[in-house]
Amino acid sequence: MIDELDLVVLKRDLPAERLAAGDVGTVVLVHRHGEGYEVEFTTLSGDTVTVVTLDAADVRPVEPREIVHARAVR
C-alpha cells in the first residue's frame, strides 16, 4: 500500500511534464484508496518540477536497496 508522503518511482516517461521513468516523487494525495496518486516531483534542492495525477500502474514504491540517480531537468 502506498500512503501520503511515501516516495514512489515513476514507471514511464512523461515528456510533457519533463519526467523520465525512474524519477522519484512524493505522494501528496491518495485517490480512491490507491487507484491513483497526486505526486510531487522536485529537484534535489527542493524546487518543485511538477505535481501530476497518476494511475496506480504508473508508479511503484521505492525499494529498500535502491539508490537515487541525479539528472538535469530541461
C-alpha atoms as a PDB file:
ATOM      1  CA  MET A   1       0.000   0.000   0.000  1.00  0.00           C
ATOM      2  CA  ILE A   2       1.293   3.441  -0.940  1.00  0.00           C
ATOM      3  CA  ASP A   3       0.395   6.217   1.502  1.00  0.00           C
ATOM      4  CA  GLU A   4       0.649  10.004   1.548  1.00  0.00           C
ATOM      5  CA  LEU A   5       4.252  11.222   1.909  1.00  0.00           C
ATOM      6  CA  ASP A   6       5.678   7.925   0.616  1.00  0.00           C
ATOM      7  CA  LEU A   7       8.380   8.086  -2.030  1.00  0.00           C
ATOM      8  CA  VAL A   8       7.448   6.438  -5.332  1.00  0.00           C
ATOM      9  CA  VAL A   9       9.278   5.663  -8.568  1.00  0.00           C
ATOM     10  CA  LEU A  10       7.789   6.672 -11.912  1.00  0.00           C
ATOM     11  CA  LYS A  11       7.465   3.662 -14.228  1.00  0.00           C
ATOM     12  CA  ARG A  12       7.114   5.510 -17.566  1.00  0.00           C
ATOM     13  CA  ASP A  13       8.357   8.663 -19.259  1.00  0.00           C
ATOM     14  CA  LEU A  14       6.135  11.767 -19.125  1.00  0.00           C
ATOM     15  CA  PRO A  15       7.868  14.113 -21.605  1.00  0.00           C
ATOM     16  CA  ALA A  16       5.221  16.838 -21.333  1.00  0.00           C
ATOM     17  CA  GLU A  17       5.971  17.034 -17.610  1.00  0.00           C
ATOM     18  CA  ARG A  18       9.779  16.749 -18.084  1.00  0.00           C
ATOM     19  CA  LEU A  19       9.779  13.444 -16.199  1.00  0.00           C
ATOM     20  CA  ALA A  20      11.518  10.172 -17.025  1.00  0.00           C
ATOM     21  CA  ALA A  21      10.977   6.613 -15.879  1.00  0.00           C
ATOM     22  CA  GLY A  22      12.942   6.151 -12.667  1.00  0.00           C
ATOM     23  CA  ASP A  23      12.314   9.661 -11.330  1.00  0.00           C
ATOM     24  CA  VAL A  24      11.386   9.691  -7.639  1.00  0.00           C
ATOM     25  CA  GLY A  25       8.468  11.711  -6.303  1.00  0.00           C
ATOM     26  CA  THR A  26       6.482  12.162  -3.099  1.00  0.00           C
ATOM     27  CA  VAL A  27       2.821  11.178  -2.849  1.00  0.00           C
ATOM     28  CA  VAL A  28       0.857  14.210  -1.678  1.00  0.00           C
ATOM     29  CA  LEU A  29      -2.648  12.741  -2.085  1.00  0.00           C
ATOM     30  CA  VAL A  30      -4.077   9.236  -2.456  1.00  0.00           C
ATOM     31  CA  HIS A  31      -7.142   8.894  -4.719  1.00  0.00           C
ATOM     32  CA  ARG A  32      -9.838   6.244  -4.194  1.00  0.00           C
ATOM     33  CA  HIS A  33      -7.935   4.035  -1.767  1.00  0.00           C
ATOM     34  CA  GLY A  34      -4.888   3.711  -4.036  1.00  0.00           C
ATOM     35  CA  GLU A  35      -6.390   3.746  -7.546  1.00  0.00           C
ATOM     36  CA  GLY A  36      -4.359   6.875  -8.259  1.00  0.00           C
ATOM     37  CA  TYR A  37      -1.999   9.376  -6.697  1.00  0.00           C
ATOM     38  CA  GLU A  38      -1.110  13.036  -6.769  1.00  0.00           C
ATOM     39  CA  VAL A  39       2.701  13.022  -6.860  1.00  0.00           C
ATOM     40  CA  GLU A  40       5.115  15.941  -6.462  1.00  0.00           C
ATOM     41  CA  PHE A  41       8.468  15.729  -8.230  1.00  0.00           C
ATOM     42  CA  THR A  42      11.196  18.098  -7.026  1.00  0.00           C
ATOM     43  CA  THR A  43      14.804  18.886  -7.787  1.00  0.00           C
ATOM     44  CA  LEU A  44      17.375  17.806  -5.215  1.00  0.00           C
ATOM     45  CA  SER A  45      17.458  21.412  -3.976  1.00  0.00           C
ATOM     46  CA  GLY A  46      13.713  21.277  -3.240  1.00  0.00           C
ATOM     47  CA  ASP A  47      12.236  23.207  -6.178  1.00  0.00           C
ATOM     48  CA  THR A  48       9.012  21.702  -7.490  1.00  0.00           C
ATOM     49  CA  VAL A  49       9.289  20.447 -11.071  1.00  0.00           C
ATOM     50  CA  THR A  50       5.650  19.381 -11.306  1.00  0.00           C
ATOM     51  CA  VAL A  51       2.728  17.834  -9.460  1.00  0.00           C
ATOM     52  CA  VAL A  52       0.889  15.208 -11.512  1.00  0.00           C
ATOM     53  CA  THR A  53      -2.058  12.867 -11.093  1.00  0.00           C
ATOM     54  CA  LEU A  54      -1.013   9.300 -11.872  1.00  0.00           C
ATOM     55  CA  ASP A  55      -2.712   5.919 -12.031  1.00  0.00           C
ATOM     56  CA  ALA A  56      -1.509   3.255  -9.617  1.00  0.00           C
ATOM     57  CA  ALA A  57       0.092   1.418 -12.569  1.00  0.00           C
ATOM     58  CA  ASP A  58       2.333   4.455 -13.278  1.00  0.00           C
ATOM     59  CA  VAL A  59       4.275   4.285 -10.006  1.00  0.00           C
ATOM     60  CA  ARG A  60       5.775   1.786  -7.622  1.00  0.00           C
ATOM     61  CA  PRO A  61       7.103   2.036  -4.081  1.00  0.00           C
ATOM     62  CA  VAL A  62      10.789   2.721  -3.517  1.00  0.00           C
ATOM     63  CA  GLU A  63      12.681  -0.487  -2.712  1.00  0.00           C
ATOM     64  CA  PRO A  64      14.976  -0.588   0.345  1.00  0.00           C
ATOM     65  CA  ARG A  65      18.217  -1.236  -1.599  1.00  0.00           C
ATOM     66  CA  GLU A  66      17.745   1.379  -4.359  1.00  0.00           C
ATOM     67  CA  ILE A  67      19.916   4.423  -4.919  1.00  0.00           C
ATOM     68  CA  VAL A  68      18.863   7.800  -6.340  1.00  0.00           C
ATOM     69  CA  HIS A  69      20.470   8.928  -9.614  1.00  0.00           C
ATOM     70  CA  ALA A  70      20.691  12.645 -10.440  1.00  0.00           C
ATOM     71  CA  ARG A  71      19.881  14.182 -13.838  1.00  0.00           C
ATOM     72  CA  ALA A  72      19.264  17.743 -15.014  1.00  0.00           C
ATOM     73  CA  VAL A  73      15.678  18.773 -15.760  1.00  0.00           C
ATOM     74  CA  ARG A  74      15.414  20.654 -19.007  1.00  0.00           C
END
